[in-house]
Structure formats: structure tokens, C-alpha cells
Amino acid sequence: LALIGPRNAPRLRLFLLALAVIDDIGALTVIGV
């Protein structure tokens, strides 16, 4: 994202980080179950 993403959208990184964090919770739950 730092390489190909828009330069004037700082909230985009926070959105991706939050999304990825929730995504990882779901993935780890799937692994465990």
C-alpha cells in the first residue's frame, strides 16, 4: 500500500490495518475450530 496506494489518503492505511486485524482474528478462529 505504501508503494502503490494514493499519497493523500492517510486514513486508508488505518482502514487496512483495522481490516487486517479483524481478518486475522477470523482466520485464527477458523484454524482453531
All heavy atoms as atom14 arrays in JSON, in Angstrom:
{
  "sequence": "LALIGPRNAPRLRLFLLALAVIDDIGALTVIGV",
  "atom14_mask": [
    [1, 1, 1, 1, 1, 1, 1, 1, 0, 0, 0, 0, 0, 0],
    [1, 1, 1, 1, 1, 0, 0, 0, 0, 0, 0, 0, 0, 0],
    [1, 1, 1, 1, 1, 1, 1, 1, 0, 0, 0, 0, 0, 0],
    [1, 1, 1, 1, 1, 1, 1, 1, 0, 0, 0, 0, 0, 0],
    [1, 1, 1, 1, 0, 0, 0, 0, 0, 0, 0, 0, 0, 0],
    [1, 1, 1, 1, 1, 1, 1, 0, 0, 0, 0, 0, 0, 0],
    [1, 1, 1, 1, 1, 1, 1, 1, 1, 1, 1, 0, 0, 0],
    [1, 1, 1, 1, 1, 1, 1, 1, 0, 0, 0, 0, 0, 0],
    [1, 1, 1, 1, 1, 0, 0, 0, 0, 0, 0, 0, 0, 0],
    [1, 1, 1, 1, 1, 1, 1, 0, 0, 0, 0, 0, 0, 0],
    [1, 1, 1, 1, 1, 1, 1, 1, 1, 1, 1, 0, 0, 0],
    [1, 1, 1, 1, 1, 1, 1, 1, 0, 0, 0, 0, 0, 0],
    [1, 1, 1, 1, 1, 1, 1, 1, 1, 1, 1, 0, 0, 0],
    [1, 1, 1, 1, 1, 1, 1, 1, 0, 0, 0, 0, 0, 0],
    [1, 1, 1, 1, 1, 1, 1, 1, 1, 1, 1, 0, 0, 0],
    [1, 1, 1, 1, 1, 1, 1, 1, 0, 0, 0, 0, 0, 0],
    [1, 1, 1, 1, 1, 1, 1, 1, 0, 0, 0, 0, 0, 0],
    [1, 1, 1, 1, 1, 0, 0, 0, 0, 0, 0, 0, 0, 0],
    [1, 1, 1, 1, 1, 1, 1, 1, 0, 0, 0, 0, 0, 0],
    [1, 1, 1, 1, 1, 0, 0, 0, 0, 0, 0, 0, 0, 0],
    [1, 1, 1, 1, 1, 1, 1, 0, 0, 0, 0, 0, 0, 0],
    [1, 1, 1, 1, 1, 1, 1, 1, 0, 0, 0, 0, 0, 0],
    [1, 1, 1, 1, 1, 1, 1, 1, 0, 0, 0, 0, 0, 0],
    [1, 1, 1, 1, 1, 1, 1, 1, 0, 0, 0, 0, 0, 0],
    [1, 1, 1, 1, 1, 1, 1, 1, 0, 0, 0, 0, 0, 0],
    [1, 1, 1, 1, 0, 0, 0, 0, 0, 0, 0, 0, 0, 0],
    [1, 1, 1, 1, 1, 0, 0, 0, 0, 0, 0, 0, 0, 0],
    [1, 1, 1, 1, 1, 1, 1, 1, 0, 0, 0, 0, 0, 0],
    [1, 1, 1, 1, 1, 1, 1, 0, 0, 0, 0, 0, 0, 0],
    [1, 1, 1, 1, 1, 1, 1, 0, 0, 0, 0, 0, 0, 0],
    [1, 1, 1, 1, 1, 1, 1, 1, 0, 0, 0, 0, 0, 0],
    [1, 1, 1, 1, 0, 0, 0, 0, 0, 0, 0, 0, 0, 0],
    [1, 1, 1, 1, 1, 1, 1, 0, 0, 0, 0, 0, 0, 0]
  ],
  "atom14_positions": [
    [[0.84, -1.2, 0.0], [0.0, 0.0, 0.0], [0.88, 1.25, 0.0], [0.57, 2.24, -0.67], [-0.92, 0.0, 1.22], [-1.8, 1.24, 1.37], [-2.79, 1.34, 0.22], [-2.54, 1.23, 2.7], [0.0, 0.0, 0.0], [0.0, 0.0, 0.0], [0.0, 0.0, 0.0], [0.0, 0.0, 0.0], [0.0, 0.0, 0.0], [0.0, 0.0, 0.0]],
    [[1.99, 1.2, 0.75], [2.91, 2.34, 0.78], [3.53, 2.6, -0.59], [3.87, 3.74, -0.92], [4.02, 2.09, 1.81], [0.0, 0.0, 0.0], [0.0, 0.0, 0.0], [0.0, 0.0, 0.0], [0.0, 0.0, 0.0], [0.0, 0.0, 0.0], [0.0, 0.0, 0.0], [0.0, 0.0, 0.0], [0.0, 0.0, 0.0], [0.0, 0.0, 0.0]],
    [[3.64, 1.55, -1.42], [4.24, 1.7, -2.75], [3.23, 2.12, -3.81], [3.51, 2.99, -4.63], [4.89, 0.37, -3.17], [6.22, 0.01, -2.54], [6.67, -1.36, -3.03], [7.28, 1.06, -2.84], [0.0, 0.0, 0.0], [0.0, 0.0, 0.0], [0.0, 0.0, 0.0], [0.0, 0.0, 0.0], [0.0, 0.0, 0.0], [0.0, 0.0, 0.0]],
    [[2.04, 1.5, -3.81], [1.1, 1.72, -4.93], [-0.14, 2.51, -4.53], [-0.92, 2.87, -5.4], [0.67, 0.37, -5.54], [-0.15, -0.44, -4.53], [1.86, -0.43, -6.02], [-0.75, -1.72, -5.12], [0.0, 0.0, 0.0], [0.0, 0.0, 0.0], [0.0, 0.0, 0.0], [0.0, 0.0, 0.0], [0.0, 0.0, 0.0], [0.0, 0.0, 0.0]],
    [[-0.32, 2.77, -3.23], [-1.53, 3.45, -2.78], [-1.46, 4.95, -3.01], [-0.4, 5.52, -3.29], [0.0, 0.0, 0.0], [0.0, 0.0, 0.0], [0.0, 0.0, 0.0], [0.0, 0.0, 0.0], [0.0, 0.0, 0.0], [0.0, 0.0, 0.0], [0.0, 0.0, 0.0], [0.0, 0.0, 0.0], [0.0, 0.0, 0.0], [0.0, 0.0, 0.0]],
    [[-2.61, 5.63, -2.89], [-2.64, 7.1, -3.05], [-1.87, 7.78, -1.94], [-1.85, 7.31, -0.8], [-4.15, 7.43, -2.98], [-4.77, 6.27, -2.29], [-3.94, 5.07, -2.61], [0.0, 0.0, 0.0], [0.0, 0.0, 0.0], [0.0, 0.0, 0.0], [0.0, 0.0, 0.0], [0.0, 0.0, 0.0], [0.0, 0.0, 0.0], [0.0, 0.0, 0.0]],
    [[-1.25, 8.9, -2.25], [-0.41, 9.6, -1.29], [-1.19, 10.51, -0.34], [-0.68, 10.93, 0.68], [0.63, 10.46, -2.04], [1.64, 9.63, -2.81], [2.62, 8.94, -1.87], [3.52, 8.06, -2.59], [3.35, 6.74, -2.7], [2.3, 6.16, -2.15], [4.2, 6.0, -3.38], [0.0, 0.0, 0.0], [0.0, 0.0, 0.0], [0.0, 0.0, 0.0]],
    [[-2.42, 10.86, -0.69], [-3.17, 11.82, 0.12], [-4.4, 11.19, 0.77], [-5.46, 11.8, 0.86], [-3.59, 13.02, -0.72], [-4.36, 12.61, -1.96], [-4.38, 11.44, -2.32], [-4.99, 13.56, -2.61], [0.0, 0.0, 0.0], [0.0, 0.0, 0.0], [0.0, 0.0, 0.0], [0.0, 0.0, 0.0], [0.0, 0.0, 0.0], [0.0, 0.0, 0.0]],
    [[-4.25, 9.94, 1.21], [-5.34, 9.25, 1.9], [-4.78, 8.55, 3.14], [-4.71, 7.32, 3.19], [-6.02, 8.25, 0.97], [0.0, 0.0, 0.0], [0.0, 0.0, 0.0], [0.0, 0.0, 0.0], [0.0, 0.0, 0.0], [0.0, 0.0, 0.0], [0.0, 0.0, 0.0], [0.0, 0.0, 0.0], [0.0, 0.0, 0.0], [0.0, 0.0, 0.0]],
    [[-4.39, 9.32, 4.18], [-3.74, 8.72, 5.35], [-4.63, 7.73, 6.1], [-4.13, 6.81, 6.74], [-3.4, 9.94, 6.23], [-4.29, 11.03, 5.75], [-4.49, 10.78, 4.3], [0.0, 0.0, 0.0], [0.0, 0.0, 0.0], [0.0, 0.0, 0.0], [0.0, 0.0, 0.0], [0.0, 0.0, 0.0], [0.0, 0.0, 0.0], [0.0, 0.0, 0.0]],
    [[-5.96, 7.94, 6.05], [-6.85, 7.03, 6.77], [-6.93, 5.66, 6.1], [-7.41, 4.7, 6.69], [-8.25, 7.63, 6.86], [-8.38, 8.69, 7.94], [-9.84, 9.02, 8.19], [-9.98, 9.91, 9.32], [-9.98, 11.24, 9.22], [-9.82, 11.8, 8.03], [-10.13, 11.99, 10.29], [0.0, 0.0, 0.0], [0.0, 0.0, 0.0], [0.0, 0.0, 0.0]],
    [[-6.48, 5.56, 4.85], [-6.55, 4.29, 4.13], [-5.69, 3.24, 4.81], [-6.06, 2.07, 4.9], [-6.11, 4.5, 2.68], [-6.69, 3.55, 1.63], [-8.21, 3.6, 1.65], [-6.17, 3.92, 0.25], [0.0, 0.0, 0.0], [0.0, 0.0, 0.0], [0.0, 0.0, 0.0], [0.0, 0.0, 0.0], [0.0, 0.0, 0.0], [0.0, 0.0, 0.0]],
    [[-4.53, 3.65, 5.29], [-3.65, 2.7, 5.99], [-4.3, 2.2, 7.28], [-4.25, 1.01, 7.59], [-2.3, 3.36, 6.3], [-1.34, 2.42, 7.0], [-0.11, 3.12, 7.52], [0.74, 2.18, 8.25], [0.53, 1.82, 9.51], [-0.5, 2.31, 10.19], [1.33, 0.95, 10.1], [0.0, 0.0, 0.0], [0.0, 0.0, 0.0], [0.0, 0.0, 0.0]],
    [[-4.91, 3.12, 8.04], [-5.58, 2.72, 9.28], [-6.75, 1.78, 8.99], [-6.99, 0.83, 9.72], [-6.09, 3.96, 10.02], [-5.02, 4.87, 10.62], [-5.66, 6.11, 11.21], [-4.21, 4.13, 11.67], [0.0, 0.0, 0.0], [0.0, 0.0, 0.0], [0.0, 0.0, 0.0], [0.0, 0.0, 0.0], [0.0, 0.0, 0.0], [0.0, 0.0, 0.0]],
    [[-7.46, 2.04, 7.89], [-8.56, 1.17, 7.49], [-8.05, -0.23, 7.16], [-8.61, -1.24, 7.61], [-9.28, 1.77, 6.29], [-10.3, 0.86, 5.66], [-11.52, 0.61, 6.28], [-10.05, 0.24, 4.44], [-12.46, -0.24, 5.71], [-10.98, -0.6, 3.85], [-12.18, -0.84, 4.49], [0.0, 0.0, 0.0], [0.0, 0.0, 0.0], [0.0, 0.0, 0.0]],
    [[-6.97, -0.3, 6.38], [-6.4, -1.6, 6.03], [-5.89, -2.33, 7.26], [-6.09, -3.54, 7.4], [-5.27, -1.42, 5.01], [-4.49, -2.69, 4.64], [-5.41, -3.77, 4.08], [-3.38, -2.38, 3.63], [0.0, 0.0, 0.0], [0.0, 0.0, 0.0], [0.0, 0.0, 0.0], [0.0, 0.0, 0.0], [0.0, 0.0, 0.0], [0.0, 0.0, 0.0]],
    [[-5.23, -1.61, 8.17], [-4.7, -2.24, 9.37], [-5.84, -2.79, 10.23], [-5.78, -3.94, 10.69], [-3.89, -1.23, 10.18], [-3.28, -1.75, 11.49], [-2.33, -2.91, 11.21], [-2.56, -0.64, 12.22], [0.0, 0.0, 0.0], [0.0, 0.0, 0.0], [0.0, 0.0, 0.0], [0.0, 0.0, 0.0], [0.0, 0.0, 0.0], [0.0, 0.0, 0.0]],
    [[-6.9, -1.99, 10.43], [-8.03, -2.45, 11.23], [-8.71, -3.65, 10.56], [-9.06, -4.64, 11.21], [-9.03, -1.32, 11.42], [0.0, 0.0, 0.0], [0.0, 0.0, 0.0], [0.0, 0.0, 0.0], [0.0, 0.0, 0.0], [0.0, 0.0, 0.0], [0.0, 0.0, 0.0], [0.0, 0.0, 0.0], [0.0, 0.0, 0.0], [0.0, 0.0, 0.0]],
    [[-8.88, -3.57, 9.24], [-9.5, -4.67, 8.5], [-8.67, -5.94, 8.62], [-9.2, -7.04, 8.87], [-9.64, -4.26, 7.03], [-10.29, -5.22, 6.04], [-10.91, -4.43, 4.89], [-9.31, -6.22, 5.45], [0.0, 0.0, 0.0], [0.0, 0.0, 0.0], [0.0, 0.0, 0.0], [0.0, 0.0, 0.0], [0.0, 0.0, 0.0], [0.0, 0.0, 0.0]],
    [[-7.36, -5.81, 8.45], [-6.47, -6.97, 8.51], [-6.45, -7.59, 9.9], [-6.37, -8.82, 10.05], [-5.06, -6.57, 8.08], [0.0, 0.0, 0.0], [0.0, 0.0, 0.0], [0.0, 0.0, 0.0], [0.0, 0.0, 0.0], [0.0, 0.0, 0.0], [0.0, 0.0, 0.0], [0.0, 0.0, 0.0], [0.0, 0.0, 0.0], [0.0, 0.0, 0.0]],
    [[-6.53, -6.74, 10.93], [-6.54, -7.23, 12.31], [-7.79, -8.08, 12.56], [-7.72, -9.19, 13.1], [-6.47, -6.03, 13.29], [-6.99, -6.39, 14.66], [-5.04, -5.53, 13.39], [0.0, 0.0, 0.0], [0.0, 0.0, 0.0], [0.0, 0.0, 0.0], [0.0, 0.0, 0.0], [0.0, 0.0, 0.0], [0.0, 0.0, 0.0], [0.0, 0.0, 0.0]],
    [[-8.96, -7.57, 12.14], [-10.22, -8.32, 12.31], [-10.18, -9.59, 11.45], [-10.62, -10.66, 11.87], [-11.41, -7.43, 11.92], [-11.45, -6.2, 12.82], [-12.73, -8.2, 12.02], [-12.28, -5.07, 12.27], [0.0, 0.0, 0.0], [0.0, 0.0, 0.0], [0.0, 0.0, 0.0], [0.0, 0.0, 0.0], [0.0, 0.0, 0.0], [0.0, 0.0, 0.0]],
    [[-9.64, -9.44, 10.26], [-9.49, -10.56, 9.34], [-8.64, -11.67, 9.98], [-8.97, -12.85, 9.9], [-8.81, -10.02, 8.07], [-8.7, -11.05, 6.96], [-7.8, -11.9, 7.04], [-9.48, -10.96, 6.03], [0.0, 0.0, 0.0], [0.0, 0.0, 0.0], [0.0, 0.0, 0.0], [0.0, 0.0, 0.0], [0.0, 0.0, 0.0], [0.0, 0.0, 0.0]],
    [[-7.56, -11.28, 10.64], [-6.68, -12.26, 11.29], [-7.39, -12.96, 12.45], [-7.18, -14.16, 12.68], [-5.41, -11.57, 11.8], [-4.44, -11.25, 10.67], [-4.53, -11.9, 9.62], [-3.61, -10.35, 10.84], [0.0, 0.0, 0.0], [0.0, 0.0, 0.0], [0.0, 0.0, 0.0], [0.0, 0.0, 0.0], [0.0, 0.0, 0.0], [0.0, 0.0, 0.0]],
    [[-8.22, -12.21, 13.2], [-8.98, -12.83, 14.27], [-9.88, -13.93, 13.7], [-9.97, -15.04, 14.22], [-9.83, -11.79, 15.02], [-8.95, -10.81, 15.78], [-10.79, -12.47, 16.01], [-9.71, -9.67, 16.41], [0.0, 0.0, 0.0], [0.0, 0.0, 0.0], [0.0, 0.0, 0.0], [0.0, 0.0, 0.0], [0.0, 0.0, 0.0], [0.0, 0.0, 0.0]],
    [[-10.58, -13.59, 12.6], [-11.46, -14.57, 11.96], [-10.69, -15.78, 11.46], [-11.12, -16.92, 11.65], [0.0, 0.0, 0.0], [0.0, 0.0, 0.0], [0.0, 0.0, 0.0], [0.0, 0.0, 0.0], [0.0, 0.0, 0.0], [0.0, 0.0, 0.0], [0.0, 0.0, 0.0], [0.0, 0.0, 0.0], [0.0, 0.0, 0.0], [0.0, 0.0, 0.0]],
    [[-9.52, -15.54, 10.84], [-8.72, -16.64, 10.3], [-8.22, -17.56, 11.4], [-8.25, -18.79, 11.27], [-7.55, -16.08, 9.49], [0.0, 0.0, 0.0], [0.0, 0.0, 0.0], [0.0, 0.0, 0.0], [0.0, 0.0, 0.0], [0.0, 0.0, 0.0], [0.0, 0.0, 0.0], [0.0, 0.0, 0.0], [0.0, 0.0, 0.0], [0.0, 0.0, 0.0]],
    [[-7.76, -16.97, 12.51], [-7.26, -17.79, 13.61], [-8.39, -18.58, 14.27], [-8.19, -19.7, 14.73], [-6.56, -16.9, 14.64], [-5.22, -16.33, 14.16], [-4.72, -15.27, 15.12], [-4.18, -17.43, 14.03], [0.0, 0.0, 0.0], [0.0, 0.0, 0.0], [0.0, 0.0, 0.0], [0.0, 0.0, 0.0], [0.0, 0.0, 0.0], [0.0, 0.0, 0.0]],
    [[-9.58, -17.98, 14.32], [-10.74, -18.71, 14.85], [-11.05, -19.91, 13.97], [-11.33, -21.01, 14.46], [-11.96, -17.79, 14.94], [-11.63, -16.66, 15.76], [-13.15, -18.51, 15.54], [0.0, 0.0, 0.0], [0.0, 0.0, 0.0], [0.0, 0.0, 0.0], [0.0, 0.0, 0.0], [0.0, 0.0, 0.0], [0.0, 0.0, 0.0], [0.0, 0.0, 0.0]],
    [[-10.98, -19.71, 12.68], [-11.22, -20.8, 11.73], [-10.18, -21.91, 11.91], [-10.52, -23.1, 11.92], [-11.2, -20.26, 10.27], [-11.09, -21.41, 9.27], [-12.45, -19.44, 10.01], [0.0, 0.0, 0.0], [0.0, 0.0, 0.0], [0.0, 0.0, 0.0], [0.0, 0.0, 0.0], [0.0, 0.0, 0.0], [0.0, 0.0, 0.0], [0.0, 0.0, 0.0]],
    [[-8.92, -21.52, 12.07], [-7.86, -22.51, 12.28], [-8.16, -23.33, 13.53], [-8.06, -24.57, 13.54], [-6.49, -21.83, 12.39], [-6.06, -21.29, 11.01], [-5.43, -22.8, 12.91], [-4.79, -20.46, 11.06], [0.0, 0.0, 0.0], [0.0, 0.0, 0.0], [0.0, 0.0, 0.0], [0.0, 0.0, 0.0], [0.0, 0.0, 0.0], [0.0, 0.0, 0.0]],
    [[-8.52, -22.63, 14.61], [-8.76, -23.32, 15.88], [-9.97, -24.24, 15.84], [-9.97, -25.32, 16.43], [0.0, 0.0, 0.0], [0.0, 0.0, 0.0], [0.0, 0.0, 0.0], [0.0, 0.0, 0.0], [0.0, 0.0, 0.0], [0.0, 0.0, 0.0], [0.0, 0.0, 0.0], [0.0, 0.0, 0.0], [0.0, 0.0, 0.0], [0.0, 0.0, 0.0]],
    [[-11.03, -23.82, 15.13], [-12.29, -24.58, 15.14], [-12.33, -25.65, 14.06], [-12.75, -26.79, 14.3], [-13.49, -23.61, 14.97], [-14.79, -24.39, 14.82], [-13.57, -22.66, 16.15], [0.0, 0.0, 0.0], [0.0, 0.0, 0.0], [0.0, 0.0, 0.0], [0.0, 0.0, 0.0], [0.0, 0.0, 0.0], [0.0, 0.0, 0.0], [0.0, 0.0, 0.0]]
  ]
}
